[in-house]
Amino acid sequence: MGILPKHDFAALKGIDIECKQGQIVALLGHNGSGKTTMINVLTARQRATNAHGDGEDASVVKIAGCDVNDISTLTARSRAIGVCPQNLMCFTELSLADNVRIVGRLRGLSDKQVEDDMRELVVALGFVDEHETGDVLQHASINRPVGKFSGGMARRLQILLALLGSP
């Protein structure tokens, strides 16, 4: 017997969302409304199941035309969606540049695309001044440990990681 009663309900029942490429979507709602469950399903941290909760695949949640329960489509799906989590999700002992390269590889992006995106995004998000001369990837602000970033810089890094690969 658990401390809390077991509820038999479908957390995401009746949800119907269609997002276009490049569109930014924010999930807002009351505590317990299914926001975290939705993100977990979309990012393959939790399987989508049918409304009866009996473990059968829902097969109705798709990202870029790929069923989220099909593990073979994980790379394609991770390229199509960018998530900016509430908490800092990176390697704090590594630099911004190293974190971006790791996430880019995990998403299956080419080294060239990662470098190109990083050059654009570090300027767009204010890590490097747009009038900076030389290669922005050599700038000190993106090559110091993320653990030394201010809270605002850490949040901008999360946004950069979410936008990597132009999901």
Foldseek 3Di string as FASTA:
>chain_A
DDPDDDDFWALCPPDDDDDDFLDDDDDDDDPSNCPVVVVCLLLVVDFDADGRPPPHHPQPDDFPNHRSNPVVCNLVSLLRFFDQDPDQDFQQQFFLLVRLVVLCVVSVHDPVLSQVLVQVLCCVLPLDPPPDDDRPVPDPSRGGGNNPDDPSVSSSSSVSSRCRNRD
